[in-house]
């Protein structure tokens, strides 16, 4: 399997950390670590060259050429897809779109 390079932007990293911190603040330390690991594994799997992803349904993001994919039905990953890289721009709750 050939992989593209996956680059996670600062705003996406911050959002992932905030979500994990929120889970941890509820006293679920192990769950927060598992959540963070699952997100990063999911992002790494976006680099599979055999897959292509749809453009975002949100008009603002669609006009910019951004693509979206859902993580666990609650979060949306917004990224730029090229032949060699996936650049993750946002990790946001799906309600925010």
C-alpha atoms as a PDB file:
ATOM      1  CA  UNK A   1       0.000   0.000   0.000  1.00  0.00           C
ATOM      2  CA  UNK A   2       1.399   3.362  -1.037  1.00  0.00           C
ATOM      3  CA  UNK A   3       0.869   6.217   1.394  1.00  0.00           C
ATOM      4  CA  UNK A   4       0.730   9.957   0.913  1.00  0.00           C
ATOM      5  CA  UNK A   5       2.289  12.196   3.506  1.00  0.00           C
ATOM      6  CA  UNK A   6      -0.243  13.417   6.087  1.00  0.00           C
ATOM      7  CA  UNK A   7       0.430  16.848   7.603  1.00  0.00           C
ATOM      8  CA  UNK A   8      -1.686  17.990  10.544  1.00  0.00           C
ATOM      9  CA  UNK A   9      -2.020  21.760  10.867  1.00  0.00           C
ATOM     10  CA  UNK A  10      -1.710  23.683  14.112  1.00  0.00           C
ATOM     11  CA  UNK A  11      -5.426  24.476  14.386  1.00  0.00           C
ATOM     12  CA  UNK A  12      -6.360  20.818  13.846  1.00  0.00           C
ATOM     13  CA  UNK A  13      -3.807  19.667  16.444  1.00  0.00           C
ATOM     14  CA  UNK A  14      -5.144  22.213  18.909  1.00  0.00           C
ATOM     15  CA  UNK A  15      -8.735  21.062  18.352  1.00  0.00           C
ATOM     16  CA  UNK A  16      -7.797  17.406  18.876  1.00  0.00           C
ATOM     17  CA  UNK A  17      -5.955  18.304  22.078  1.00  0.00           C
ATOM     18  CA  UNK A  18      -8.908  20.362  23.341  1.00  0.00           C
ATOM     19  CA  UNK A  19     -11.329  17.490  22.739  1.00  0.00           C
ATOM     20  CA  UNK A  20      -8.995  15.060  24.527  1.00  0.00           C
ATOM     21  CA  UNK A  21      -8.559  17.527  27.404  1.00  0.00           C
ATOM     22  CA  UNK A  22     -12.350  17.837  27.741  1.00  0.00           C
ATOM     23  CA  UNK A  23     -12.669  14.048  27.977  1.00  0.00           C
ATOM     24  CA  UNK A  24      -9.824  13.955  30.499  1.00  0.00           C
ATOM     25  CA  UNK A  25     -11.464  16.699  32.593  1.00  0.00           C
ATOM     26  CA  UNK A  26     -14.433  14.371  33.088  1.00  0.00           C
ATOM     27  CA  UNK A  27     -12.068  11.930  34.849  1.00  0.00           C
ATOM     28  CA  UNK A  28     -11.625   9.621  31.859  1.00  0.00           C
ATOM     29  CA  UNK A  29      -7.854   9.740  31.389  1.00  0.00           C
ATOM     30  CA  UNK A  30      -7.529   6.405  29.570  1.00  0.00           C
ATOM     31  CA  UNK A  31     -10.453   7.271  27.294  1.00  0.00           C
ATOM     32  CA  UNK A  32      -8.858  10.620  26.412  1.00  0.00           C
ATOM     33  CA  UNK A  33      -5.607   8.895  25.449  1.00  0.00           C
ATOM     34  CA  UNK A  34      -7.488   6.316  23.367  1.00  0.00           C
ATOM     35  CA  UNK A  35      -9.470   9.081  21.645  1.00  0.00           C
ATOM     36  CA  UNK A  36      -6.301  10.944  20.728  1.00  0.00           C
ATOM     37  CA  UNK A  37      -4.650   7.751  19.457  1.00  0.00           C
ATOM     38  CA  UNK A  38      -7.742   6.828  17.417  1.00  0.00           C
ATOM     39  CA  UNK A  39      -7.873  10.277  15.809  1.00  0.00           C
ATOM     40  CA  UNK A  40      -4.206  10.129  14.831  1.00  0.00           C
ATOM     41  CA  UNK A  41      -4.603   6.595  13.449  1.00  0.00           C
ATOM     42  CA  UNK A  42      -7.617   7.775  11.431  1.00  0.00           C
ATOM     43  CA  UNK A  43      -5.637  10.722  10.062  1.00  0.00           C
ATOM     44  CA  UNK A  44      -2.751   8.434   9.115  1.00  0.00           C
ATOM     45  CA  UNK A  45      -5.179   6.215   7.182  1.00  0.00           C
ATOM     46  CA  UNK A  46      -6.283   9.224   5.106  1.00  0.00           C
ATOM     47  CA  UNK A  47      -2.954   8.973   3.301  1.00  0.00           C
ATOM     48  CA  UNK A  48      -3.948   5.828   1.392  1.00  0.00           C
ATOM     49  CA  UNK A  49      -3.503   6.666  -2.312  1.00  0.00           C
ATOM     50  CA  UNK A  50      -6.230   4.258  -3.391  1.00  0.00           C
ATOM     51  CA  UNK A  51      -8.909   6.463  -1.828  1.00  0.00           C
ATOM     52  CA  UNK A  52     -10.255   9.802  -2.919  1.00  0.00           C
ATOM     53  CA  UNK A  53     -12.545  11.914  -0.772  1.00  0.00           C
ATOM     54  CA  UNK A  54     -15.566  14.132  -1.516  1.00  0.00           C
ATOM     55  CA  UNK A  55     -15.585  17.903  -1.352  1.00  0.00           C
ATOM     56  CA  UNK A  56     -17.230  19.465   1.685  1.00  0.00           C
ATOM     57  CA  UNK A  57     -20.958  20.151   1.471  1.00  0.00           C
ATOM     58  CA  UNK A  58     -20.484  23.513   3.147  1.00  0.00           C
ATOM     59  CA  UNK A  59     -20.317  26.121   0.374  1.00  0.00           C
ATOM     60  CA  UNK A  60     -17.491  28.153   1.920  1.00  0.00           C
ATOM     61  CA  UNK A  61     -15.227  25.131   2.188  1.00  0.00           C
ATOM     62  CA  UNK A  62     -16.298  23.731  -1.178  1.00  0.00           C
ATOM     63  CA  UNK A  63     -15.339  26.950  -2.976  1.00  0.00           C
ATOM     64  CA  UNK A  64     -11.884  26.736  -1.375  1.00  0.00           C
ATOM     65  CA  UNK A  65     -11.488  23.163  -2.676  1.00  0.00           C
ATOM     66  CA  UNK A  66     -11.422  21.598   0.782  1.00  0.00           C
ATOM     67  CA  UNK A  67     -12.500  18.014   1.320  1.00  0.00           C
ATOM     68  CA  UNK A  68     -14.316  16.616   4.346  1.00  0.00           C
ATOM     69  CA  UNK A  69     -14.623  13.254   6.008  1.00  0.00           C
ATOM     70  CA  UNK A  70     -16.495  12.301   9.183  1.00  0.00           C
ATOM     71  CA  UNK A  71     -14.831  10.776  12.252  1.00  0.00           C
ATOM     72  CA  UNK A  72     -17.143   8.845  14.599  1.00  0.00           C
ATOM     73  CA  UNK A  73     -20.232  10.721  13.345  1.00  0.00           C
ATOM     74  CA  UNK A  74     -19.434  13.601  15.733  1.00  0.00           C
ATOM     75  CA  UNK A  75     -16.384  15.247  14.209  1.00  0.00           C
ATOM     76  CA  UNK A  76     -15.503  16.452  10.730  1.00  0.00           C
ATOM     77  CA  UNK A  77     -11.957  16.447   9.376  1.00  0.00           C
ATOM     78  CA  UNK A  78     -11.382  19.189   6.793  1.00  0.00           C
ATOM     79  CA  UNK A  79      -8.307  18.807   4.585  1.00  0.00           C
ATOM     80  CA  UNK A  80      -6.606  19.593   1.309  1.00  0.00           C
ATOM     81  CA  UNK A  81      -5.887  16.548  -0.858  1.00  0.00           C
ATOM     82  CA  UNK A  82      -3.086  16.466  -3.426  1.00  0.00           C
ATOM     83  CA  UNK A  83      -1.345  13.578  -5.166  1.00  0.00           C
ATOM     84  CA  UNK A  84       1.505  13.532  -2.645  1.00  0.00           C
ATOM     85  CA  UNK A  85       0.050  14.981   0.565  1.00  0.00           C
ATOM     86  CA  UNK A  86      -3.001  15.322   2.761  1.00  0.00           C
ATOM     87  CA  UNK A  87      -2.911  18.570   4.734  1.00  0.00           C
ATOM     88  CA  UNK A  88      -5.417  18.486   7.620  1.00  0.00           C
ATOM     89  CA  UNK A  89      -6.711  22.013   8.205  1.00  0.00           C
ATOM     90  CA  UNK A  90      -9.555  21.563  10.731  1.00  0.00           C
ATOM     91  CA  UNK A  91     -10.912  19.025  13.191  1.00  0.00           C
ATOM     92  CA  UNK A  92     -14.290  20.350  14.231  1.00  0.00           C
ATOM     93  CA  UNK A  93     -17.530  19.057  15.749  1.00  0.00           C
ATOM     94  CA  UNK A  94     -19.997  18.248  12.973  1.00  0.00           C
ATOM     95  CA  UNK A  95     -22.585  20.530  14.587  1.00  0.00           C
ATOM     96  CA  UNK A  96     -20.380  23.525  13.781  1.00  0.00           C
ATOM     97  CA  UNK A  97     -20.749  23.042  10.009  1.00  0.00           C
END
